[in-house]
Amino acid sequence: MAAVLLFDTQRRRPLPRIFRERTDVLDNLRDREVVERYRLSREAIFDLHNLIKDDISSSSNRSFPVPPLTKVLLENIKFPTSSADISNVKRGFYKVAGLPNCVGAVDGTLIPIIAPAGLEEPAFVCRKGYHALNVQAVVDHNMRFTDVVARWPGSTHDATIFHKNKLIFS
């Protein structure tokens, strides 16, 4: 009985969750930078936000949801699809790194999460031994994100995410 009581007093307490204040991305950019980054003026972004905010707003504040304006800005992450855009990225990679026919640099990272409850919990334990999401991202020659996949449990191998990604060309 004494050993059980000793074990209970030494049990690790969960760390409190820390929510950092989210800043408005547009506040830190000049008008020219907003147009360069998002290809829309500040006013056009706010007009678009006002048009669709009711459709993309979270129905509750549970789990600290992403604000609608941030969702609008994230929609700008898109892989080049036109032949002109693809050629531009290929030229950019060749200029920057001497890589011919490269349309993106791919990497993955493990994002630590709180252990989910339920039968799926073991799938989220990564190779490093903690609960995580395995996130894959692609950037262009200007280091701008062109694709982000953040839906795979931590135990998923990077190659699986890469081959299941919609960007794989036949």
N, C-alpha and C. Protein backbone atom coordinates (compact mmCIF):
# COMPACT_ATOMS: atom_id res chain seq x y z
N MET A 1 0.82 -1.19 0.00
CA MET A 1 0.00 0.00 0.00
C MET A 1 0.86 1.26 0.00
N ALA A 2 1.95 1.23 0.76
CA ALA A 2 2.84 2.39 0.83
C ALA A 2 3.47 2.66 -0.52
N ALA A 3 3.80 1.60 -1.26
CA ALA A 3 4.42 1.78 -2.58
C ALA A 3 3.44 2.43 -3.54
N VAL A 4 2.18 2.06 -3.46
CA VAL A 4 1.17 2.64 -4.34
C VAL A 4 0.99 4.12 -4.03
N LEU A 5 0.96 4.49 -2.76
CA LEU A 5 0.83 5.89 -2.38
C LEU A 5 2.04 6.70 -2.83
N LEU A 6 3.22 6.11 -2.72
CA LEU A 6 4.43 6.79 -3.15
C LEU A 6 4.39 7.03 -4.65
N PHE A 7 3.94 6.05 -5.41
CA PHE A 7 3.85 6.17 -6.86
C PHE A 7 2.88 7.28 -7.24
N ASP A 8 1.74 7.34 -6.55
CA ASP A 8 0.73 8.35 -6.87
C ASP A 8 1.24 9.76 -6.62
N THR A 9 2.05 9.97 -5.59
CA THR A 9 2.54 11.31 -5.31
C THR A 9 3.61 11.74 -6.29
N GLN A 10 4.26 10.78 -6.95
CA GLN A 10 5.31 11.12 -7.89
C GLN A 10 4.82 11.17 -9.33
N ARG A 11 3.55 10.96 -9.54
CA ARG A 11 2.99 10.97 -10.89
C ARG A 11 3.11 12.36 -11.49
N ARG A 12 3.49 12.40 -12.74
CA ARG A 12 3.65 13.69 -13.42
C ARG A 12 2.30 14.33 -13.66
N ARG A 13 2.21 15.58 -13.34
CA ARG A 13 1.01 16.35 -13.60
C ARG A 13 1.09 16.91 -15.02
N PRO A 14 -0.02 16.94 -15.74
CA PRO A 14 0.03 17.51 -17.09
C PRO A 14 0.34 19.01 -17.02
N LEU A 15 1.12 19.46 -17.97
CA LEU A 15 1.44 20.88 -18.04
C LEU A 15 0.21 21.66 -18.51
N PRO A 16 0.03 22.86 -17.98
CA PRO A 16 -1.13 23.65 -18.43
C PRO A 16 -0.94 24.06 -19.90
N ARG A 17 -2.03 24.11 -20.63
CA ARG A 17 -1.98 24.52 -22.03
C ARG A 17 -1.76 26.02 -22.10
N ILE A 18 -0.88 26.42 -22.99
CA ILE A 18 -0.58 27.84 -23.15
C ILE A 18 -1.09 28.28 -24.51
N PHE A 19 -1.97 29.27 -24.50
CA PHE A 19 -2.48 29.83 -25.74
C PHE A 19 -1.89 31.21 -25.93
N ARG A 20 -1.07 31.36 -26.95
CA ARG A 20 -0.49 32.66 -27.22
C ARG A 20 -1.49 33.51 -27.98
N GLU A 21 -1.44 34.79 -27.73
CA GLU A 21 -2.35 35.70 -28.42
C GLU A 21 -2.02 35.70 -29.91
N ARG A 22 -3.03 35.52 -30.72
CA ARG A 22 -2.83 35.53 -32.16
C ARG A 22 -2.85 36.97 -32.64
N THR A 23 -1.83 37.31 -33.40
CA THR A 23 -1.77 38.66 -33.94
C THR A 23 -2.31 38.66 -35.36
N ASP A 24 -2.82 39.78 -35.78
CA ASP A 24 -3.32 39.92 -37.13
C ASP A 24 -2.13 40.07 -38.07
N VAL A 25 -1.97 39.14 -38.98
CA VAL A 25 -0.83 39.13 -39.89
C VAL A 25 -0.77 40.42 -40.70
N LEU A 26 -1.90 40.93 -41.09
CA LEU A 26 -1.93 42.11 -41.94
C LEU A 26 -1.43 43.37 -41.22
N ASP A 27 -1.49 43.38 -39.90
CA ASP A 27 -1.02 44.55 -39.16
C ASP A 27 0.49 44.76 -39.31
N ASN A 28 1.23 43.70 -39.56
CA ASN A 28 2.69 43.78 -39.63
C ASN A 28 3.22 43.95 -41.05
N LEU A 29 2.34 44.09 -42.03
CA LEU A 29 2.76 44.20 -43.43
C LEU A 29 2.36 45.55 -44.01
N ARG A 30 3.23 46.09 -44.86
CA ARG A 30 2.87 47.29 -45.61
C ARG A 30 1.96 46.89 -46.77
N ASP A 31 1.25 47.85 -47.35
CA ASP A 31 0.30 47.54 -48.43
C ASP A 31 0.98 46.82 -49.59
N ARG A 32 2.18 47.24 -49.95
CA ARG A 32 2.91 46.59 -51.05
C ARG A 32 3.22 45.13 -50.71
N GLU A 33 3.60 44.86 -49.44
CA GLU A 33 3.90 43.49 -49.02
C GLU A 33 2.65 42.62 -49.01
N VAL A 34 1.51 43.20 -48.65
CA VAL A 34 0.25 42.45 -48.66
C VAL A 34 -0.06 42.00 -50.08
N VAL A 35 0.07 42.89 -51.05
CA VAL A 35 -0.21 42.55 -52.44
C VAL A 35 0.79 41.51 -52.96
N GLU A 36 2.06 41.65 -52.61
CA GLU A 36 3.07 40.68 -53.05
C GLU A 36 2.80 39.30 -52.48
N ARG A 37 2.42 39.24 -51.21
CA ARG A 37 2.24 37.95 -50.55
C ARG A 37 0.92 37.28 -50.92
N TYR A 38 -0.17 38.06 -50.97
CA TYR A 38 -1.50 37.47 -51.14
C TYR A 38 -2.14 37.76 -52.49
N ARG A 39 -1.49 38.58 -53.29
CA ARG A 39 -1.99 38.94 -54.62
C ARG A 39 -3.35 39.62 -54.58
N LEU A 40 -3.67 40.21 -53.44
CA LEU A 40 -4.90 40.98 -53.25
C LEU A 40 -4.55 42.19 -52.39
N SER A 41 -5.28 43.28 -52.59
CA SER A 41 -5.06 44.44 -51.72
C SER A 41 -5.65 44.15 -50.34
N ARG A 42 -5.25 44.95 -49.37
CA ARG A 42 -5.77 44.79 -48.01
C ARG A 42 -7.29 44.92 -48.00
N GLU A 43 -7.80 45.88 -48.77
CA GLU A 43 -9.25 46.09 -48.84
C GLU A 43 -9.96 44.89 -49.46
N ALA A 44 -9.37 44.32 -50.50
CA ALA A 44 -9.98 43.15 -51.15
C ALA A 44 -10.00 41.96 -50.20
N ILE A 45 -8.95 41.81 -49.40
CA ILE A 45 -8.91 40.71 -48.42
C ILE A 45 -10.03 40.88 -47.40
N PHE A 46 -10.21 42.10 -46.90
CA PHE A 46 -11.28 42.34 -45.93
C PHE A 46 -12.66 42.18 -46.56
N ASP A 47 -12.83 42.58 -47.83
CA ASP A 47 -14.10 42.37 -48.53
C ASP A 47 -14.40 40.87 -48.66
N LEU A 48 -13.38 40.11 -49.06
CA LEU A 48 -13.54 38.65 -49.18
C LEU A 48 -13.87 38.04 -47.82
N HIS A 49 -13.17 38.47 -46.80
CA HIS A 49 -13.43 37.99 -45.44
C HIS A 49 -14.87 38.26 -45.03
N ASN A 50 -15.36 39.47 -45.30
CA ASN A 50 -16.74 39.81 -44.93
C ASN A 50 -17.76 38.98 -45.70
N LEU A 51 -17.45 38.62 -46.94
CA LEU A 51 -18.37 37.82 -47.74
C LEU A 51 -18.50 36.38 -47.23
N ILE A 52 -17.40 35.80 -46.76
CA ILE A 52 -17.43 34.36 -46.44
C ILE A 52 -17.24 34.03 -44.97
N LYS A 53 -17.10 35.03 -44.10
CA LYS A 53 -16.79 34.74 -42.70
C LYS A 53 -17.85 33.89 -42.01
N ASP A 54 -19.12 34.06 -42.37
CA ASP A 54 -20.17 33.25 -41.74
C ASP A 54 -20.05 31.77 -42.12
N ASP A 55 -19.54 31.51 -43.32
CA ASP A 55 -19.40 30.12 -43.78
C ASP A 55 -18.17 29.42 -43.21
N ILE A 56 -17.15 30.18 -42.85
CA ILE A 56 -15.91 29.55 -42.40
C ILE A 56 -15.65 29.73 -40.91
N SER A 57 -16.52 30.42 -40.20
CA SER A 57 -16.35 30.60 -38.76
C SER A 57 -16.66 29.31 -38.03
N SER A 58 -15.93 29.07 -36.95
CA SER A 58 -16.20 27.90 -36.11
C SER A 58 -17.46 28.14 -35.31
N SER A 59 -18.21 27.08 -35.07
CA SER A 59 -19.47 27.23 -34.36
C SER A 59 -19.27 27.39 -32.85
N SER A 60 -18.05 27.09 -32.37
CA SER A 60 -17.75 27.27 -30.94
C SER A 60 -16.32 27.75 -30.80
N ASN A 61 -15.95 28.09 -29.59
CA ASN A 61 -14.57 28.49 -29.31
C ASN A 61 -13.77 27.33 -28.74
N ARG A 62 -14.27 26.13 -28.89
CA ARG A 62 -13.59 24.94 -28.38
C ARG A 62 -12.26 24.76 -29.09
N SER A 63 -11.24 24.44 -28.35
CA SER A 63 -9.89 24.14 -28.86
C SER A 63 -9.25 25.34 -29.55
N PHE A 64 -9.65 26.53 -29.20
CA PHE A 64 -9.02 27.75 -29.71
C PHE A 64 -8.99 27.75 -31.23
N PRO A 65 -10.15 27.89 -31.90
CA PRO A 65 -10.22 27.76 -33.36
C PRO A 65 -9.48 28.88 -34.11
N VAL A 66 -9.14 28.59 -35.34
CA VAL A 66 -8.46 29.55 -36.20
C VAL A 66 -9.47 30.62 -36.61
N PRO A 67 -9.12 31.90 -36.45
CA PRO A 67 -10.06 32.97 -36.83
C PRO A 67 -10.34 32.97 -38.34
N PRO A 68 -11.53 33.44 -38.73
CA PRO A 68 -11.89 33.44 -40.16
C PRO A 68 -10.90 34.21 -41.05
N LEU A 69 -10.38 35.34 -40.59
CA LEU A 69 -9.44 36.10 -41.42
C LEU A 69 -8.17 35.28 -41.70
N THR A 70 -7.70 34.57 -40.70
CA THR A 70 -6.52 33.72 -40.89
C THR A 70 -6.83 32.61 -41.88
N LYS A 71 -8.04 32.04 -41.82
CA LYS A 71 -8.42 31.01 -42.78
C LYS A 71 -8.42 31.56 -44.20
N VAL A 72 -8.91 32.79 -44.37
CA VAL A 72 -8.90 33.42 -45.69
C VAL A 72 -7.48 33.55 -46.21
N LEU A 73 -6.57 33.99 -45.35
CA LEU A 73 -5.18 34.18 -45.76
C LEU A 73 -4.49 32.85 -46.05
N LEU A 74 -4.84 31.80 -45.33
CA LEU A 74 -4.24 30.48 -45.58
C LEU A 74 -4.68 29.88 -46.90
N GLU A 75 -5.83 30.31 -47.38
CA GLU A 75 -6.31 29.79 -48.66
C GLU A 75 -5.37 30.18 -49.80
N ASN A 76 -4.44 31.08 -49.56
CA ASN A 76 -3.51 31.51 -50.59
C ASN A 76 -2.42 30.47 -50.85
N ILE A 77 -2.31 29.46 -50.00
CA ILE A 77 -1.31 28.41 -50.21
C ILE A 77 -1.80 27.53 -51.34
N LYS A 78 -1.13 27.65 -52.50
CA LYS A 78 -1.56 26.83 -53.64
C LYS A 78 -0.36 26.48 -54.50
N PHE A 79 -0.38 25.27 -54.99
CA PHE A 79 0.70 24.76 -55.83
C PHE A 79 0.54 25.34 -57.24
N PRO A 80 1.64 25.68 -57.90
CA PRO A 80 1.51 26.22 -59.27
C PRO A 80 0.92 25.17 -60.20
N THR A 81 -0.05 25.58 -60.99
CA THR A 81 -0.71 24.64 -61.89
C THR A 81 -0.58 25.04 -63.36
N SER A 82 -0.50 26.32 -63.63
CA SER A 82 -0.38 26.73 -65.03
C SER A 82 1.06 26.48 -65.50
N SER A 83 1.22 26.27 -66.78
CA SER A 83 2.56 25.99 -67.31
C SER A 83 3.49 27.19 -67.11
N ALA A 84 2.95 28.41 -67.17
CA ALA A 84 3.77 29.60 -66.94
C ALA A 84 4.28 29.65 -65.50
N ASP A 85 3.39 29.35 -64.53
CA ASP A 85 3.80 29.36 -63.12
C ASP A 85 4.83 28.26 -62.84
N ILE A 86 4.60 27.09 -63.40
CA ILE A 86 5.54 25.97 -63.20
C ILE A 86 6.90 26.30 -63.80
N SER A 87 6.91 26.88 -64.98
CA SER A 87 8.17 27.28 -65.61
C SER A 87 8.90 28.33 -64.78
N ASN A 88 8.15 29.27 -64.22
CA ASN A 88 8.74 30.30 -63.37
C ASN A 88 9.42 29.69 -62.14
N VAL A 89 8.74 28.74 -61.50
CA VAL A 89 9.31 28.08 -60.32
C VAL A 89 10.55 27.26 -60.71
N LYS A 90 10.48 26.55 -61.83
CA LYS A 90 11.64 25.77 -62.28
C LYS A 90 12.84 26.68 -62.52
N ARG A 91 12.62 27.81 -63.20
CA ARG A 91 13.71 28.77 -63.43
C ARG A 91 14.26 29.29 -62.10
N GLY A 92 13.36 29.57 -61.17
CA GLY A 92 13.78 30.07 -59.86
C GLY A 92 14.66 29.09 -59.11
N PHE A 93 14.26 27.82 -59.10
CA PHE A 93 15.08 26.81 -58.43
C PHE A 93 16.43 26.63 -59.12
N TYR A 94 16.44 26.75 -60.45
CA TYR A 94 17.71 26.62 -61.16
C TYR A 94 18.64 27.78 -60.82
N LYS A 95 18.07 29.00 -60.72
CA LYS A 95 18.88 30.17 -60.37
C LYS A 95 19.40 30.08 -58.93
N VAL A 96 18.54 29.66 -58.01
CA VAL A 96 18.90 29.64 -56.60
C VAL A 96 19.84 28.49 -56.25
N ALA A 97 19.58 27.29 -56.79
CA ALA A 97 20.32 26.12 -56.33
C ALA A 97 20.90 25.27 -57.45
N GLY A 98 20.67 25.66 -58.70
CA GLY A 98 21.19 24.84 -59.80
C GLY A 98 20.43 23.54 -59.99
N LEU A 99 19.19 23.48 -59.50
CA LEU A 99 18.37 22.28 -59.63
C LEU A 99 17.47 22.40 -60.86
N PRO A 100 17.69 21.58 -61.87
CA PRO A 100 16.82 21.65 -63.05
C PRO A 100 15.49 20.93 -62.81
N ASN A 101 14.42 21.44 -63.40
CA ASN A 101 13.09 20.81 -63.38
C ASN A 101 12.54 20.59 -61.97
N CYS A 102 12.88 21.44 -61.03
CA CYS A 102 12.39 21.34 -59.65
C CYS A 102 11.23 22.31 -59.47
N VAL A 103 10.09 21.79 -59.00
CA VAL A 103 8.92 22.65 -58.78
C VAL A 103 8.58 22.81 -57.31
N GLY A 104 9.39 22.24 -56.41
CA GLY A 104 9.13 22.41 -54.99
C GLY A 104 10.12 21.65 -54.14
N ALA A 105 10.37 22.18 -52.95
CA ALA A 105 11.19 21.51 -51.95
C ALA A 105 10.26 20.96 -50.88
N VAL A 106 10.36 19.67 -50.61
CA VAL A 106 9.45 18.98 -49.70
C VAL A 106 10.17 18.59 -48.42
N ASP A 107 9.49 18.78 -47.28
CA ASP A 107 10.02 18.28 -46.02
C ASP A 107 8.85 18.01 -45.09
N GLY A 108 9.13 17.25 -44.07
CA GLY A 108 8.11 16.93 -43.09
C GLY A 108 8.62 17.23 -41.69
N THR A 109 7.69 17.37 -40.78
CA THR A 109 8.04 17.59 -39.38
C THR A 109 6.98 16.98 -38.50
N LEU A 110 7.37 16.64 -37.30
CA LEU A 110 6.44 16.10 -36.32
C LEU A 110 6.03 17.22 -35.38
N ILE A 111 4.73 17.45 -35.28
CA ILE A 111 4.18 18.49 -34.41
C ILE A 111 3.61 17.81 -33.17
N PRO A 112 4.20 18.07 -31.99
CA PRO A 112 3.68 17.43 -30.77
C PRO A 112 2.24 17.84 -30.48
N ILE A 113 1.46 16.86 -30.03
CA ILE A 113 0.06 17.11 -29.66
C ILE A 113 -0.23 16.44 -28.33
N ILE A 114 -1.35 16.79 -27.73
CA ILE A 114 -1.82 16.09 -26.54
C ILE A 114 -2.42 14.77 -27.00
N ALA A 115 -2.15 13.72 -26.26
CA ALA A 115 -2.61 12.38 -26.64
C ALA A 115 -4.12 12.36 -26.85
N PRO A 116 -4.57 11.91 -28.02
CA PRO A 116 -6.02 11.81 -28.25
C PRO A 116 -6.58 10.60 -27.52
N ALA A 117 -7.84 10.69 -27.16
CA ALA A 117 -8.50 9.57 -26.50
C ALA A 117 -9.06 8.63 -27.56
N GLY A 118 -9.24 7.39 -27.20
CA GLY A 118 -9.88 6.45 -28.10
C GLY A 118 -8.94 5.42 -28.69
N LEU A 119 -9.51 4.62 -29.59
CA LEU A 119 -8.78 3.51 -30.18
C LEU A 119 -7.66 3.96 -31.13
N GLU A 120 -7.75 5.16 -31.67
CA GLU A 120 -6.75 5.66 -32.62
C GLU A 120 -5.48 6.19 -31.94
N GLU A 121 -5.48 6.28 -30.62
CA GLU A 121 -4.36 6.89 -29.90
C GLU A 121 -3.00 6.31 -30.26
N PRO A 122 -2.81 4.99 -30.37
CA PRO A 122 -1.47 4.47 -30.70
C PRO A 122 -0.94 4.94 -32.06
N ALA A 123 -1.82 5.25 -32.99
CA ALA A 123 -1.38 5.70 -34.31
C ALA A 123 -0.69 7.05 -34.25
N PHE A 124 -0.96 7.83 -33.21
CA PHE A 124 -0.38 9.16 -33.10
C PHE A 124 0.99 9.18 -32.42
N VAL A 125 1.44 8.01 -31.90
CA VAL A 125 2.76 7.94 -31.29
C VAL A 125 3.79 7.84 -32.41
N CYS A 126 4.69 8.83 -32.48
CA CYS A 126 5.67 8.88 -33.56
C CYS A 126 6.89 8.03 -33.24
N ARG A 127 7.81 7.94 -34.18
CA ARG A 127 9.01 7.12 -34.00
C ARG A 127 9.90 7.64 -32.88
N LYS A 128 9.68 8.88 -32.47
CA LYS A 128 10.48 9.45 -31.39
C LYS A 128 9.84 9.23 -30.02
N GLY A 129 8.67 8.60 -30.02
CA GLY A 129 8.06 8.18 -28.76
C GLY A 129 7.03 9.12 -28.16
N TYR A 130 6.62 10.17 -28.85
CA TYR A 130 5.61 11.07 -28.31
C TYR A 130 4.44 11.19 -29.30
N HIS A 131 3.34 11.72 -28.83
CA HIS A 131 2.16 11.89 -29.68
C HIS A 131 2.37 13.09 -30.59
N ALA A 132 2.06 12.90 -31.88
CA ALA A 132 2.33 13.97 -32.84
C ALA A 132 1.47 13.83 -34.08
N LEU A 133 1.44 14.93 -34.85
CA LEU A 133 0.93 14.93 -36.22
C LEU A 133 2.15 14.98 -37.12
N ASN A 134 2.13 14.23 -38.20
CA ASN A 134 3.21 14.28 -39.18
C ASN A 134 2.76 15.23 -40.29
N VAL A 135 3.44 16.36 -40.39
CA VAL A 135 3.05 17.42 -41.33
C VAL A 135 4.08 17.51 -42.44
N GLN A 136 3.59 17.53 -43.68
CA GLN A 136 4.46 17.69 -44.85
C GLN A 136 4.17 19.03 -45.49
N ALA A 137 5.23 19.72 -45.90
CA ALA A 137 5.06 21.03 -46.54
C ALA A 137 5.96 21.09 -47.78
N VAL A 138 5.50 21.86 -48.76
CA VAL A 138 6.26 22.12 -49.98
C VAL A 138 6.42 23.63 -50.11
N VAL A 139 7.64 24.06 -50.46
CA VAL A 139 7.88 25.48 -50.69
C VAL A 139 8.44 25.67 -52.09
N ASP A 140 8.27 26.89 -52.62
CA ASP A 140 8.85 27.20 -53.92
C ASP A 140 10.23 27.84 -53.75
N HIS A 141 10.80 28.32 -54.81
CA HIS A 141 12.14 28.89 -54.78
C HIS A 141 12.23 30.16 -53.94
N ASN A 142 11.11 30.81 -53.69
CA ASN A 142 11.08 32.00 -52.84
C ASN A 142 10.76 31.66 -51.38
N MET A 143 10.75 30.37 -51.06
CA MET A 143 10.43 29.86 -49.72
C MET A 143 9.01 30.21 -49.29
N ARG A 144 8.10 30.25 -50.25
CA ARG A 144 6.68 30.42 -49.96
C ARG A 144 6.03 29.05 -49.99
N PHE A 145 5.16 28.80 -49.00
CA PHE A 145 4.47 27.53 -48.97
C PHE A 145 3.55 27.39 -50.18
N THR A 146 3.63 26.25 -50.84
CA THR A 146 2.73 25.96 -51.95
C THR A 146 1.82 24.78 -51.64
N ASP A 147 2.15 24.03 -50.59
CA ASP A 147 1.29 22.91 -50.19
C ASP A 147 1.62 22.55 -48.74
N VAL A 148 0.58 22.28 -47.96
CA VAL A 148 0.75 21.82 -46.58
C VAL A 148 -0.26 20.71 -46.34
N VAL A 149 0.22 19.58 -45.84
CA VAL A 149 -0.66 18.45 -45.50
C VAL A 149 -0.46 18.19 -44.01
N ALA A 150 -1.51 18.40 -43.22
CA ALA A 150 -1.40 18.27 -41.76
C ALA A 150 -2.50 17.37 -41.22
N ARG A 151 -2.68 16.20 -41.80
CA ARG A 151 -3.77 15.34 -41.35
C ARG A 151 -3.32 13.95 -40.95
N TRP A 152 -2.03 13.66 -41.01
CA TRP A 152 -1.56 12.30 -40.77
C TRP A 152 -1.09 12.11 -39.34
N PRO A 153 -1.42 10.97 -38.73
CA PRO A 153 -0.92 10.67 -37.38
C PRO A 153 0.60 10.55 -37.38
N GLY A 154 1.20 10.73 -36.22
CA GLY A 154 2.65 10.73 -36.09
C GLY A 154 3.34 9.45 -36.51
N SER A 155 2.65 8.32 -36.47
CA SER A 155 3.29 7.05 -36.84
C SER A 155 3.36 6.84 -38.35
N THR A 156 2.73 7.71 -39.12
CA THR A 156 2.72 7.57 -40.58
C THR A 156 4.10 7.91 -41.14
N HIS A 157 4.61 7.03 -42.00
CA HIS A 157 5.93 7.25 -42.60
C HIS A 157 5.86 8.40 -43.61
N ASP A 158 6.95 9.17 -43.70
CA ASP A 158 7.01 10.31 -44.62
C ASP A 158 6.71 9.90 -46.06
N ALA A 159 7.22 8.74 -46.47
CA ALA A 159 7.01 8.28 -47.85
C ALA A 159 5.53 8.04 -48.13
N THR A 160 4.80 7.55 -47.15
CA THR A 160 3.36 7.32 -47.31
C THR A 160 2.64 8.64 -47.56
N ILE A 161 2.97 9.65 -46.76
CA ILE A 161 2.35 10.96 -46.94
C ILE A 161 2.67 11.51 -48.32
N PHE A 162 3.92 11.38 -48.72
CA PHE A 162 4.35 11.89 -50.02
C PHE A 162 3.59 11.21 -51.15
N HIS A 163 3.49 9.89 -51.10
CA HIS A 163 2.82 9.15 -52.20
C HIS A 163 1.31 9.29 -52.19
N LYS A 164 0.72 9.62 -51.06
CA LYS A 164 -0.74 9.82 -51.00
C LYS A 164 -1.12 11.27 -51.30
N ASN A 165 -0.12 12.14 -51.42
CA ASN A 165 -0.38 13.55 -51.67
C ASN A 165 -0.91 13.75 -53.09
N LYS A 166 -1.80 14.70 -53.23
CA LYS A 166 -2.40 14.98 -54.54
C LYS A 166 -1.41 15.56 -55.53
N LEU A 167 -0.22 15.95 -55.07
CA LEU A 167 0.76 16.57 -55.95
C LEU A 167 1.56 15.57 -56.79
N ILE A 168 1.48 14.29 -56.47
CA ILE A 168 2.25 13.30 -57.20
C ILE A 168 1.72 13.23 -58.63
N PHE A 169 2.64 13.43 -59.57
CA PHE A 169 2.26 13.43 -60.98
C PHE A 169 2.49 12.06 -61.57
N SER A 170 1.63 11.67 -62.47
CA SER A 170 1.80 10.35 -63.11
C SER A 170 2.64 10.45 -64.36
